[in-house]
């Protein structure tokens, strides 16, 4: 016979929720590492070099049908809260060129 005093129902929903939280943290950490690597790889370059690389990358994505204006807008909304007014203005200028 089973001992009901020690019975603990399995809660699959909480396990799934915990896993999704950990996966979210994993993804955030990977994105953070990726961004840090990108910054490190591009440090020391002039603004002209960076803009040229960015524009050619966007042009390549457009030619391959991978450019997604909605993703660009989402990126903008995500980044804006972290930027100063000067950085915001510069980002707006860059995005105008890219579109």
N, C-alpha and C. Protein backbone atom coordinates (compact mmCIF):
# COMPACT_ATOMS: atom_id res chain seq x y z
N UNK A 1 0.84 -1.17 0.00
CA UNK A 1 0.00 0.00 0.00
C UNK A 1 0.89 1.24 0.00
N UNK A 2 0.41 2.29 -0.61
CA UNK A 2 1.19 3.53 -0.70
C UNK A 2 1.09 4.36 0.57
N UNK A 3 2.14 5.11 0.82
CA UNK A 3 2.18 6.01 1.97
C UNK A 3 1.74 7.39 1.49
N UNK A 4 0.54 7.79 1.84
CA UNK A 4 -0.01 9.06 1.38
C UNK A 4 0.55 10.25 2.14
N UNK A 5 1.18 10.02 3.25
CA UNK A 5 1.79 11.13 3.99
C UNK A 5 2.94 11.76 3.22
N UNK A 6 3.65 10.94 2.46
CA UNK A 6 4.81 11.42 1.71
C UNK A 6 4.51 11.65 0.22
N UNK A 7 3.25 11.57 -0.13
CA UNK A 7 2.87 11.74 -1.53
C UNK A 7 3.04 13.19 -1.97
N UNK A 8 3.74 13.37 -3.08
CA UNK A 8 3.92 14.69 -3.68
C UNK A 8 3.49 14.60 -5.14
N UNK A 9 2.41 15.27 -5.49
CA UNK A 9 1.95 15.18 -6.88
C UNK A 9 2.99 15.83 -7.81
N UNK A 10 3.16 15.23 -8.96
CA UNK A 10 4.08 15.80 -9.94
C UNK A 10 3.40 16.99 -10.59
N UNK A 11 4.11 18.06 -10.64
CA UNK A 11 3.54 19.25 -11.25
C UNK A 11 4.32 19.55 -12.52
N UNK A 12 3.86 19.01 -13.60
CA UNK A 12 4.56 19.15 -14.89
C UNK A 12 4.58 20.61 -15.34
N UNK A 13 3.53 21.35 -15.04
CA UNK A 13 3.49 22.75 -15.47
C UNK A 13 4.61 23.56 -14.84
N UNK A 14 4.87 23.35 -13.55
CA UNK A 14 5.93 24.11 -12.91
C UNK A 14 7.29 23.70 -13.44
N UNK A 15 7.45 22.39 -13.76
CA UNK A 15 8.72 21.93 -14.34
C UNK A 15 8.95 22.58 -15.70
N UNK A 16 7.91 22.62 -16.52
CA UNK A 16 8.02 23.23 -17.84
C UNK A 16 8.31 24.72 -17.69
N UNK A 17 7.64 25.35 -16.75
CA UNK A 17 7.86 26.79 -16.52
C UNK A 17 9.30 27.04 -16.09
N UNK A 18 9.81 26.21 -15.18
CA UNK A 18 11.20 26.35 -14.73
C UNK A 18 12.16 26.16 -15.89
N UNK A 19 11.90 25.15 -16.71
CA UNK A 19 12.77 24.90 -17.85
C UNK A 19 12.75 26.08 -18.81
N UNK A 20 11.58 26.65 -19.07
CA UNK A 20 11.50 27.78 -20.00
C UNK A 20 12.21 29.01 -19.43
N UNK A 21 12.16 29.17 -18.12
CA UNK A 21 12.88 30.28 -17.49
C UNK A 21 14.38 30.08 -17.67
N UNK A 22 14.85 28.86 -17.41
CA UNK A 22 16.28 28.58 -17.57
C UNK A 22 16.70 28.71 -19.03
N UNK A 23 15.86 28.25 -19.95
CA UNK A 23 16.16 28.39 -21.37
C UNK A 23 16.23 29.86 -21.75
N UNK A 24 15.33 30.67 -21.19
CA UNK A 24 15.35 32.11 -21.45
C UNK A 24 16.63 32.74 -20.97
N UNK A 25 17.08 32.32 -19.79
CA UNK A 25 18.34 32.84 -19.24
C UNK A 25 19.49 32.41 -20.13
N UNK A 26 19.46 31.16 -20.56
CA UNK A 26 20.49 30.65 -21.47
C UNK A 26 20.54 31.49 -22.74
N UNK A 27 19.38 31.74 -23.32
CA UNK A 27 19.32 32.52 -24.56
C UNK A 27 19.83 33.93 -24.32
N UNK A 28 19.42 34.55 -23.22
CA UNK A 28 19.89 35.90 -22.90
C UNK A 28 21.41 35.92 -22.77
N UNK A 29 21.95 34.93 -22.11
CA UNK A 29 23.40 34.85 -21.91
C UNK A 29 24.12 34.67 -23.24
N UNK A 30 23.57 33.84 -24.12
CA UNK A 30 24.16 33.63 -25.43
C UNK A 30 24.11 34.91 -26.27
N UNK A 31 22.99 35.62 -26.21
CA UNK A 31 22.87 36.88 -26.94
C UNK A 31 23.87 37.89 -26.40
N UNK A 32 23.98 37.96 -25.08
CA UNK A 32 24.92 38.89 -24.46
C UNK A 32 26.34 38.58 -24.90
N UNK A 33 26.72 37.30 -24.87
CA UNK A 33 28.07 36.90 -25.29
C UNK A 33 28.30 37.22 -26.77
N UNK A 34 27.28 37.00 -27.58
CA UNK A 34 27.39 37.28 -29.01
C UNK A 34 27.59 38.77 -29.26
N UNK A 35 26.83 39.59 -28.56
CA UNK A 35 26.95 41.04 -28.72
C UNK A 35 28.32 41.51 -28.23
N UNK A 36 28.77 40.98 -27.11
CA UNK A 36 30.09 41.36 -26.59
C UNK A 36 31.19 40.99 -27.58
N UNK A 37 31.07 39.83 -28.21
CA UNK A 37 32.06 39.39 -29.19
C UNK A 37 32.03 40.30 -30.42
N UNK A 38 30.82 40.65 -30.86
CA UNK A 38 30.68 41.55 -32.00
C UNK A 38 31.34 42.89 -31.72
N UNK A 39 31.12 43.41 -30.53
CA UNK A 39 31.70 44.70 -30.14
C UNK A 39 33.22 44.59 -30.11
N UNK A 40 33.70 43.51 -29.50
CA UNK A 40 35.15 43.31 -29.41
C UNK A 40 35.78 43.19 -30.80
N UNK A 41 35.13 42.45 -31.70
CA UNK A 41 35.65 42.26 -33.05
C UNK A 41 35.70 43.57 -33.84
N UNK A 42 34.83 44.48 -33.51
CA UNK A 42 34.73 45.72 -34.28
C UNK A 42 35.36 46.92 -33.59
N UNK A 43 35.90 46.73 -32.41
CA UNK A 43 36.52 47.86 -31.71
C UNK A 43 37.75 48.31 -32.48
N UNK A 44 37.98 49.60 -32.48
CA UNK A 44 39.13 50.15 -33.19
C UNK A 44 38.83 50.52 -34.63
N UNK A 45 37.66 50.16 -35.13
CA UNK A 45 37.29 50.53 -36.50
C UNK A 45 36.68 51.91 -36.51
N UNK A 46 36.83 52.59 -37.62
CA UNK A 46 36.24 53.92 -37.75
C UNK A 46 34.73 53.79 -37.99
N UNK A 47 34.04 54.88 -37.79
CA UNK A 47 32.59 54.89 -38.02
C UNK A 47 32.28 54.58 -39.49
N UNK A 48 33.11 55.10 -40.40
CA UNK A 48 32.91 54.84 -41.82
C UNK A 48 33.02 53.35 -42.14
N UNK A 49 34.02 52.69 -41.56
CA UNK A 49 34.20 51.25 -41.78
C UNK A 49 32.99 50.47 -41.25
N UNK A 50 32.54 50.85 -40.07
CA UNK A 50 31.40 50.16 -39.46
C UNK A 50 30.13 50.37 -40.28
N UNK A 51 29.90 51.60 -40.74
CA UNK A 51 28.71 51.89 -41.55
C UNK A 51 28.77 51.12 -42.87
N UNK A 52 29.94 51.08 -43.47
CA UNK A 52 30.11 50.36 -44.74
C UNK A 52 29.79 48.87 -44.55
N UNK A 53 30.30 48.29 -43.47
CA UNK A 53 30.03 46.88 -43.18
C UNK A 53 28.54 46.65 -42.94
N UNK A 54 27.93 47.54 -42.19
CA UNK A 54 26.51 47.42 -41.88
C UNK A 54 25.66 47.53 -43.14
N UNK A 55 25.93 48.52 -43.96
CA UNK A 55 25.15 48.73 -45.18
C UNK A 55 25.31 47.54 -46.12
N UNK A 56 26.52 47.04 -46.28
CA UNK A 56 26.71 45.89 -47.18
C UNK A 56 26.02 44.65 -46.62
N UNK A 57 26.03 44.49 -45.31
CA UNK A 57 25.35 43.36 -44.69
C UNK A 57 23.84 43.44 -44.92
N UNK A 58 23.28 44.62 -44.77
CA UNK A 58 21.84 44.81 -44.98
C UNK A 58 21.50 44.61 -46.46
N UNK A 59 22.33 45.14 -47.35
CA UNK A 59 22.09 44.95 -48.79
C UNK A 59 22.13 43.47 -49.17
N UNK A 60 23.05 42.74 -48.58
CA UNK A 60 23.15 41.29 -48.84
C UNK A 60 21.88 40.59 -48.34
N UNK A 61 21.43 40.98 -47.15
CA UNK A 61 20.21 40.38 -46.59
C UNK A 61 18.99 40.70 -47.45
N UNK A 62 18.93 41.92 -47.96
CA UNK A 62 17.81 42.30 -48.84
C UNK A 62 17.84 41.48 -50.13
N UNK A 63 19.03 41.32 -50.70
CA UNK A 63 19.17 40.57 -51.94
C UNK A 63 18.79 39.10 -51.75
N UNK A 64 19.05 38.57 -50.57
CA UNK A 64 18.74 37.16 -50.28
C UNK A 64 17.33 36.98 -49.73
N UNK A 65 16.61 38.09 -49.57
CA UNK A 65 15.25 38.02 -49.05
C UNK A 65 15.17 37.79 -47.56
N UNK A 66 16.25 38.06 -46.85
CA UNK A 66 16.29 37.85 -45.40
C UNK A 66 16.05 39.12 -44.60
N UNK A 67 16.00 40.26 -45.27
CA UNK A 67 15.82 41.53 -44.56
C UNK A 67 14.39 41.62 -44.07
N UNK A 68 14.24 41.92 -42.79
CA UNK A 68 12.92 41.98 -42.19
C UNK A 68 12.77 43.31 -41.47
N UNK A 69 11.98 44.18 -42.03
CA UNK A 69 11.79 45.52 -41.46
C UNK A 69 11.17 45.44 -40.06
N UNK A 70 10.30 44.48 -39.85
CA UNK A 70 9.66 44.32 -38.54
C UNK A 70 10.70 43.97 -37.47
N UNK A 71 11.67 43.13 -37.82
CA UNK A 71 12.73 42.79 -36.87
C UNK A 71 13.59 44.02 -36.56
N UNK A 72 13.81 44.84 -37.56
CA UNK A 72 14.57 46.07 -37.37
C UNK A 72 13.84 47.00 -36.40
N UNK A 73 12.53 47.10 -36.56
CA UNK A 73 11.73 47.92 -35.64
C UNK A 73 11.75 47.34 -34.23
N UNK A 74 11.68 46.04 -34.13
CA UNK A 74 11.73 45.38 -32.83
C UNK A 74 13.08 45.65 -32.15
N UNK A 75 14.16 45.56 -32.93
CA UNK A 75 15.48 45.87 -32.41
C UNK A 75 15.52 47.30 -31.89
N UNK A 76 14.99 48.21 -32.67
CA UNK A 76 14.96 49.62 -32.29
C UNK A 76 14.23 49.81 -30.96
N UNK A 77 13.06 49.21 -30.83
CA UNK A 77 12.27 49.33 -29.60
C UNK A 77 12.99 48.73 -28.41
N UNK A 78 13.74 47.67 -28.65
CA UNK A 78 14.48 47.00 -27.58
C UNK A 78 15.66 47.83 -27.10
N UNK A 79 16.35 48.46 -28.04
CA UNK A 79 17.58 49.17 -27.74
C UNK A 79 17.35 50.59 -27.23
N UNK A 80 16.34 51.27 -27.74
CA UNK A 80 16.13 52.68 -27.41
C UNK A 80 16.15 53.03 -25.93
N UNK A 81 15.54 52.23 -25.06
CA UNK A 81 15.55 52.60 -23.64
C UNK A 81 16.95 52.69 -23.02
N UNK A 82 17.93 52.08 -23.66
CA UNK A 82 19.28 52.05 -23.12
C UNK A 82 20.19 53.14 -23.69
N UNK A 83 19.66 53.94 -24.62
CA UNK A 83 20.48 54.92 -25.31
C UNK A 83 20.25 56.33 -24.79
N UNK A 84 21.28 57.14 -24.89
CA UNK A 84 21.16 58.56 -24.57
C UNK A 84 20.43 59.24 -25.72
N UNK A 85 20.06 60.48 -25.54
CA UNK A 85 19.34 61.19 -26.61
C UNK A 85 20.22 61.33 -27.86
N UNK A 86 21.52 61.52 -27.67
CA UNK A 86 22.44 61.62 -28.81
C UNK A 86 22.54 60.28 -29.53
N UNK A 87 22.63 59.20 -28.78
CA UNK A 87 22.70 57.87 -29.38
C UNK A 87 21.40 57.52 -30.09
N UNK A 88 20.28 57.93 -29.51
CA UNK A 88 18.97 57.68 -30.13
C UNK A 88 18.89 58.38 -31.47
N UNK A 89 19.33 59.62 -31.50
CA UNK A 89 19.32 60.38 -32.75
C UNK A 89 20.19 59.69 -33.80
N UNK A 90 21.36 59.25 -33.41
CA UNK A 90 22.28 58.58 -34.33
C UNK A 90 21.68 57.26 -34.83
N UNK A 91 21.06 56.51 -33.94
CA UNK A 91 20.42 55.26 -34.35
C UNK A 91 19.31 55.54 -35.37
N UNK A 92 18.51 56.56 -35.14
CA UNK A 92 17.45 56.93 -36.07
C UNK A 92 18.03 57.24 -37.45
N UNK A 93 19.16 57.96 -37.48
CA UNK A 93 19.81 58.29 -38.75
C UNK A 93 20.28 57.02 -39.46
N UNK A 94 20.87 56.12 -38.71
CA UNK A 94 21.37 54.87 -39.29
C UNK A 94 20.22 54.03 -39.84
N UNK A 95 19.16 53.93 -39.08
CA UNK A 95 18.01 53.12 -39.52
C UNK A 95 17.37 53.70 -40.76
N UNK A 96 17.37 55.01 -40.88
CA UNK A 96 16.82 55.66 -42.08
C UNK A 96 17.64 55.26 -43.30
N UNK A 97 18.95 55.23 -43.16
CA UNK A 97 19.84 54.81 -44.26
C UNK A 97 19.57 53.36 -44.63
N UNK A 98 19.36 52.52 -43.64
CA UNK A 98 19.18 51.09 -43.89
C UNK A 98 17.86 50.75 -44.55
N UNK A 99 16.84 51.50 -44.23
CA UNK A 99 15.52 51.19 -44.78
C UNK A 99 15.49 51.56 -46.24
